[in-house]
PDB file of N, CA and C in Angstrom:
ATOM      1  N   MET A   1     270.912 -58.119 145.767  1.00  0.00           N
ATOM      2  CA  MET A   1     270.120 -56.945 146.069  1.00  0.00           C
ATOM      3  C   MET A   1     269.398 -57.192 147.390  1.00  0.00           C
ATOM      4  N   ASN A   2     269.539 -56.254 148.310  1.00  0.00           N
ATOM      5  CA  ASN A   2     268.872 -56.427 149.601  1.00  0.00           C
ATOM      6  C   ASN A   2     267.517 -55.722 149.617  1.00  0.00           C
ATOM      7  N   GLN A   3     266.807 -55.873 150.719  1.00  0.00           N
ATOM      8  CA  GLN A   3     265.443 -55.345 150.847  1.00  0.00           C
ATOM      9  C   GLN A   3     265.390 -53.830 150.616  1.00  0.00           C
ATOM     10  N   ASP A   4     266.354 -53.079 151.172  1.00  0.00           N
ATOM     11  CA  ASP A   4     266.374 -51.624 151.001  1.00  0.00           C
ATOM     12  C   ASP A   4     266.586 -51.236 149.544  1.00  0.00           C
ATOM     13  N   GLN A   5     267.487 -51.938 148.872  1.00  0.00           N
ATOM     14  CA  GLN A   5     267.752 -51.650 147.468  1.00  0.00           C
ATOM     15  C   GLN A   5     266.529 -51.935 146.606  1.00  0.00           C
ATOM     16  N   VAL A   6     265.807 -52.982 146.923  1.00  0.00           N
ATOM     17  CA  VAL A   6     264.591 -53.301 146.175  1.00  0.00           C
ATOM     18  C   VAL A   6     263.577 -52.181 146.348  1.00  0.00           C
ATOM     19  N   GLY A   7     263.440 -51.685 147.569  1.00  0.00           N
ATOM     20  CA  GLY A   7     262.494 -50.607 147.836  1.00  0.00           C
ATOM     21  C   GLY A   7     262.844 -49.311 147.131  1.00  0.00           C
ATOM     22  N   GLN A   8     264.126 -49.093 146.855  1.00  0.00           N
ATOM     23  CA  GLN A   8     264.570 -47.862 146.207  1.00  0.00           C
ATOM     24  C   GLN A   8     264.731 -48.011 144.696  1.00  0.00           C
ATOM     25  N   ALA A   9     264.471 -49.179 144.178  1.00  0.00           N
ATOM     26  CA  ALA A   9     264.674 -49.434 142.752  1.00  0.00           C
ATOM     27  C   ALA A   9     263.747 -48.582 141.900  1.00  0.00           C
ATOM     28  N   ARG A  10     264.228 -48.222 140.743  1.00  0.00           N
ATOM     29  CA  ARG A  10     263.421 -47.416 139.812  1.00  0.00           C
ATOM     30  C   ARG A  10     262.365 -48.255 139.097  1.00  0.00           C
ATOM     31  N   ASP A  11     262.656 -49.534 138.937  1.00  0.00           N
ATOM     32  CA  ASP A  11     261.721 -50.428 138.257  1.00  0.00           C
ATOM     33  C   ASP A  11     260.570 -50.749 139.208  1.00  0.00           C
ATOM     34  N   LYS A  12     259.378 -50.313 138.865  1.00  0.00           N
ATOM     35  CA  LYS A  12     258.227 -50.487 139.761  1.00  0.00           C
ATOM     36  C   LYS A  12     257.821 -51.945 139.940  1.00  0.00           C
ATOM     37  N   ASP A  13     258.248 -52.832 139.049  1.00  0.00           N
ATOM     38  CA  ASP A  13     257.894 -54.247 139.150  1.00  0.00           C
ATOM     39  C   ASP A  13     258.837 -55.034 140.061  1.00  0.00           C
ATOM     40  N   LEU A  14     259.971 -54.460 140.405  1.00  0.00           N
ATOM     41  CA  LEU A  14     260.960 -55.191 141.188  1.00  0.00           C
ATOM     42  C   LEU A  14     260.453 -55.628 142.563  1.00  0.00           C
ATOM     43  N   PRO A  15     259.822 -54.769 143.352  1.00  0.00           N
ATOM     44  CA  PRO A  15     259.314 -55.237 144.649  1.00  0.00           C
ATOM     45  C   PRO A  15     258.310 -56.388 144.515  1.00  0.00           C
ATOM     46  N   SER A  16     257.465 -56.326 143.516  1.00  0.00           N
ATOM     47  CA  SER A  16     256.486 -57.399 143.305  1.00  0.00           C
ATOM     48  C   SER A  16     257.162 -58.693 142.874  1.00  0.00           C
ATOM     49  N   SER A  17     258.254 -58.582 142.128  1.00  0.00           N
ATOM     50  CA  SER A  17     258.941 -59.792 141.678  1.00  0.00           C
ATOM     51  C   SER A  17     259.577 -60.523 142.853  1.00  0.00           C
ATOM     52  N   LEU A  18     260.056 -59.793 143.843  1.00  0.00           N
ATOM     53  CA  LEU A  18     260.621 -60.429 145.032  1.00  0.00           C
ATOM     54  C   LEU A  18     259.548 -61.222 145.780  1.00  0.00           C
ATOM     55  N   ILE A  19     258.372 -60.656 145.883  1.00  0.00           N
ATOM     56  CA  ILE A  19     257.244 -61.353 146.513  1.00  0.00           C
ATOM     57  C   ILE A  19     256.901 -62.615 145.721  1.00  0.00           C
ATOM     58  N   ALA A  20     256.888 -62.506 144.400  1.00  0.00           N
ATOM     59  CA  ALA A  20     256.564 -63.653 143.546  1.00  0.00           C
ATOM     60  C   ALA A  20     257.609 -64.760 143.680  1.00  0.00           C
ATOM     61  N   ILE A  21     258.874 -64.392 143.787  1.00  0.00           N
ATOM     62  CA  ILE A  21     259.942 -65.387 143.945  1.00  0.00           C
ATOM     63  C   ILE A  21     259.779 -66.131 145.268  1.00  0.00           C
ATOM     64  N   ARG A  22     259.473 -65.399 146.324  1.00  0.00           N
ATOM     65  CA  ARG A  22     259.270 -66.040 147.628  1.00  0.00           C
ATOM     66  C   ARG A  22     258.062 -66.971 147.606  1.00  0.00           C
ATOM     67  N   ARG A  23     256.997 -66.547 146.934  1.00  0.00           N
ATOM     68  CA  ARG A  23     255.797 -67.376 146.828  1.00  0.00           C
ATOM     69  C   ARG A  23     256.102 -68.646 146.028  1.00  0.00           C
ATOM     70  N   ALA A  24     256.879 -68.521 144.958  1.00  0.00           N
ATOM     71  CA  ALA A  24     257.246 -69.683 144.143  1.00  0.00           C
ATOM     72  C   ALA A  24     258.137 -70.647 144.927  1.00  0.00           C
ATOM     73  N   ALA A  25     259.044 -70.108 145.729  1.00  0.00           N
ATOM     74  CA  ALA A  25     259.908 -70.962 146.547  1.00  0.00           C
ATOM     75  C   ALA A  25     259.085 -71.753 147.560  1.00  0.00           C
ATOM     76  N   GLN A  26     258.105 -71.102 148.168  1.00  0.00           N
ATOM     77  CA  GLN A  26     257.241 -71.798 149.130  1.00  0.00           C
ATOM     78  C   GLN A  26     256.413 -72.868 148.430  1.00  0.00           C
ATOM     79  N   ALA A  27     255.934 -72.562 147.231  1.00  0.00           N
ATOM     80  CA  ALA A  27     255.163 -73.550 146.462  1.00  0.00           C
ATOM     81  C   ALA A  27     256.033 -74.761 146.129  1.00  0.00           C
ATOM     82  N   ALA A  28     257.300 -74.541 145.813  1.00  0.00           N
ATOM     83  CA  ALA A  28     258.212 -75.651 145.521  1.00  0.00           C
ATOM     84  C   ALA A  28     258.434 -76.508 146.763  1.00  0.00           C
ATOM     85  N   ARG A  29     258.601 -75.864 147.918  1.00  0.00           N
ATOM     86  CA  ARG A  29     258.760 -76.627 149.167  1.00  0.00           C
ATOM     87  C   ARG A  29     257.497 -77.424 149.477  1.00  0.00           C
ATOM     88  N   ASP A  30     256.338 -76.802 149.311  1.00  0.00           N
ATOM     89  CA  ASP A  30     255.069 -77.490 149.570  1.00  0.00           C
ATOM     90  C   ASP A  30     254.901 -78.707 148.662  1.00  0.00           C
ATOM     91  N   THR A  31     255.216 -78.542 147.384  1.00  0.00           N
ATOM     92  CA  THR A  31     255.107 -79.646 146.431  1.00  0.00           C
ATOM     93  C   THR A  31     256.064 -80.776 146.802  1.00  0.00           C
ATOM     94  N   ALA A  32     257.279 -80.426 147.171  1.00  0.00           N
ATOM     95  CA  ALA A  32     258.261 -81.444 147.555  1.00  0.00           C
ATOM     96  C   ALA A  32     257.791 -82.223 148.773  1.00  0.00           C
ATOM     97  N   MET A  33     257.250 -81.533 149.757  1.00  0.00           N
ATOM     98  CA  MET A  33     256.766 -82.226 150.959  1.00  0.00           C
ATOM     99  C   MET A  33     255.564 -83.109 150.638  1.00  0.00           C
ATOM    100  N   ARG A  34     254.670 -82.615 149.783  1.00  0.00           N
ATOM    101  CA  ARG A  34     253.465 -83.368 149.429  1.00  0.00           C
ATOM    102  C   ARG A  34     253.802 -84.623 148.624  1.00  0.00           C
ATOM    103  N   THR A  35     254.812 -84.535 147.762  1.00  0.00           N
ATOM    104  CA  THR A  35     255.153 -85.655 146.881  1.00  0.00           C
ATOM    105  C   THR A  35     256.311 -86.500 147.402  1.00  0.00           C
ATOM    106  N   GLY A  36     256.908 -86.081 148.520  1.00  0.00           N
ATOM    107  CA  GLY A  36     258.019 -86.837 149.092  1.00  0.00           C
ATOM    108  C   GLY A  36     259.301 -86.749 148.291  1.00  0.00           C
ATOM    109  N   THR A  37     259.488 -85.661 147.592  1.00  0.00           N
ATOM    110  CA  THR A  37     260.694 -85.479 146.790  1.00  0.00           C
ATOM    111  C   THR A  37     261.568 -84.383 147.400  1.00  0.00           C
ATOM    112  N   ALA A  38     262.780 -84.301 146.927  1.00  0.00           N
ATOM    113  CA  ALA A  38     263.719 -83.297 147.425  1.00  0.00           C
ATOM    114  C   ALA A  38     263.684 -82.055 146.537  1.00  0.00           C
ATOM    115  N   ILE A  39     264.210 -80.969 147.080  1.00  0.00           N
ATOM    116  CA  ILE A  39     264.450 -79.782 146.267  1.00  0.00           C
ATOM    117  C   ILE A  39     265.959 -79.560 146.228  1.00  0.00           C
ATOM    118  N   VAL A  40     266.405 -78.829 145.238  1.00  0.00           N
ATOM    119  CA  VAL A  40     267.820 -78.505 145.101  1.00  0.00           C
ATOM    120  C   VAL A  40     267.942 -76.995 145.132  1.00  0.00           C
ATOM    121  N   VAL A  41     268.819 -76.503 146.003  1.00  0.00           N
ATOM    122  CA  VAL A  41     269.008 -75.060 146.152  1.00  0.00           C
ATOM    123  C   VAL A  41     270.492 -74.728 146.060  1.00  0.00           C
ATOM    124  N   TRP A  42     270.769 -73.468 145.841  1.00  0.00           N
ATOM    125  CA  TRP A  42     272.133 -72.951 145.833  1.00  0.00           C
ATOM    126  C   TRP A  42     272.345 -72.260 147.165  1.00  0.00           C
ATOM    127  N   ARG A  43     273.257 -72.786 147.984  1.00  0.00           N
ATOM    128  CA  ARG A  43     273.478 -72.236 149.319  1.00  0.00           C
ATOM    129  C   ARG A  43     274.983 -72.104 149.562  1.00  0.00           C
ATOM    130  N   ASN A  44     275.408 -70.906 149.887  1.00  0.00           N
ATOM    131  CA  ASN A  44     276.827 -70.644 150.185  1.00  0.00           C
ATOM    132  C   ASN A  44     277.758 -71.135 149.076  1.00  0.00           C
ATOM    133  N   GLY A  45     277.356 -70.888 147.839  1.00  0.00           N
ATOM    134  CA  GLY A  45     278.197 -71.237 146.701  1.00  0.00           C
ATOM    135  C   GLY A  45     278.208 -72.704 146.326  1.00  0.00           C
ATOM    136  N   GLN A  46     277.282 -73.478 146.885  1.00  0.00           N
ATOM    137  CA  GLN A  46     277.230 -74.901 146.568  1.00  0.00           C
ATOM    138  C   GLN A  46     275.798 -75.352 146.305  1.00  0.00           C
ATOM    139  N   VAL A  47     275.679 -76.396 145.494  1.00  0.00           N
ATOM    140  CA  VAL A  47     274.385 -77.008 145.247  1.00  0.00           C
ATOM    141  C   VAL A  47     274.073 -77.917 146.432  1.00  0.00           C
ATOM    142  N   VAL A  48     272.881 -77.736 147.013  1.00  0.00           N
ATOM    143  CA  VAL A  48     272.486 -78.504 148.194  1.00  0.00           C
ATOM    144  C   VAL A  48     271.139 -79.169 147.928  1.00  0.00           C
ATOM    145  N   ARG A  49     271.049 -80.464 148.236  1.00  0.00           N
ATOM    146  CA  ARG A  49     269.801 -81.221 148.098  1.00  0.00           C
ATOM    147  C   ARG A  49     269.136 -81.278 149.468  1.00  0.00           C
ATOM    148  N   ILE A  50     267.864 -80.886 149.532  1.00  0.00           N
ATOM    149  CA  ILE A  50     267.116 -80.901 150.786  1.00  0.00           C
ATOM    150  C   ILE A  50     265.946 -81.866 150.621  1.00  0.00           C
ATOM    151  N   SER A  51     265.934 -82.905 151.443  1.00  0.00           N
ATOM    152  CA  SER A  51     264.888 -83.926 151.335  1.00  0.00           C
ATOM    153  C   SER A  51     263.557 -83.405 151.873  1.00  0.00           C
ATOM    154  N   ALA A  52     262.502 -84.101 151.526  1.00  0.00           N
ATOM    155  CA  ALA A  52     261.167 -83.721 152.001  1.00  0.00           C
ATOM    156  C   ALA A  52     261.096 -83.786 153.521  1.00  0.00           C
ATOM    157  N   SER A  53     261.742 -84.777 154.120  1.00  0.00           N
ATOM    158  CA  SER A  53     261.708 -84.881 155.584  1.00  0.00           C
ATOM    159  C   SER A  53     262.451 -83.720 156.239  1.00  0.00           C
ATOM    160  N   GLU A  54     263.545 -83.281 155.643  1.00  0.00           N
ATOM    161  CA  GLU A  54     264.251 -82.108 156.170  1.00  0.00           C
ATOM    162  C   GLU A  54     263.390 -80.858 156.050  1.00  0.00           C
ATOM    163  N   LEU A  55     262.656 -80.751 154.949  1.00  0.00           N
ATOM    164  CA  LEU A  55     261.760 -79.606 154.766  1.00  0.00           C
ATOM    165  C   LEU A  55     260.667 -79.605 155.825  1.00  0.00           C
ATOM    166  N   ARG A  56     260.121 -80.784 156.100  1.00  0.00           N
ATOM    167  CA  ARG A  56     259.064 -80.879 157.121  1.00  0.00           C
ATOM    168  C   ARG A  56     259.585 -80.470 158.494  1.00  0.00           C
ATOM    169  N   GLN A  57     260.804 -80.882 158.820  1.00  0.00           N
ATOM    170  CA  GLN A  57     261.394 -80.540 160.116  1.00  0.00           C
ATOM    171  C   GLN A  57     261.654 -79.041 160.237  1.00  0.00           C
ATOM    172  N   ALA A  58     262.011 -78.405 159.133  1.00  0.00           N
ATOM    173  CA  ALA A  58     262.343 -76.981 159.146  1.00  0.00           C
ATOM    174  C   ALA A  58     261.105 -76.094 159.063  1.00  0.00           C
ATOM    175  N   GLU A  59     259.960 -76.700 158.728  1.00  0.00           N
ATOM    176  CA  GLU A  59     258.733 -75.916 158.559  1.00  0.00           C
ATOM    177  C   GLU A  59     258.286 -75.338 159.900  1.00  0.00           C
ATOM    178  N   PRO A  60     257.951 -74.034 159.921  1.00  0.00           N
ATOM    179  CA  PRO A  60     257.476 -73.437 161.175  1.00  0.00           C
ATOM    180  C   PRO A  60     256.173 -74.087 161.626  1.00  0.00           C
ATOM    181  N   LYS A  61     256.054 -74.265 162.905  1.00  0.00           N
ATOM    182  CA  LYS A  61     254.853 -74.909 163.465  1.00  0.00           C
ATOM    183  C   LYS A  61     253.766 -73.896 163.718  1.00  0.00           C
TER     184      LYS A  61
END
């Protein structure tokens, strides 16, 4: 579901859930960087492990 579809959805909670998912993803990245652990994500049909150092490098300055 893309951004336009979310905005047109009949379920009034759907736009808020997208915001909550993004906030949870950022919290997971923050925790991984703080604790020096990796996160695991699904990217392009594959499971990908991203280390804390990679997360720090990708973090916007």
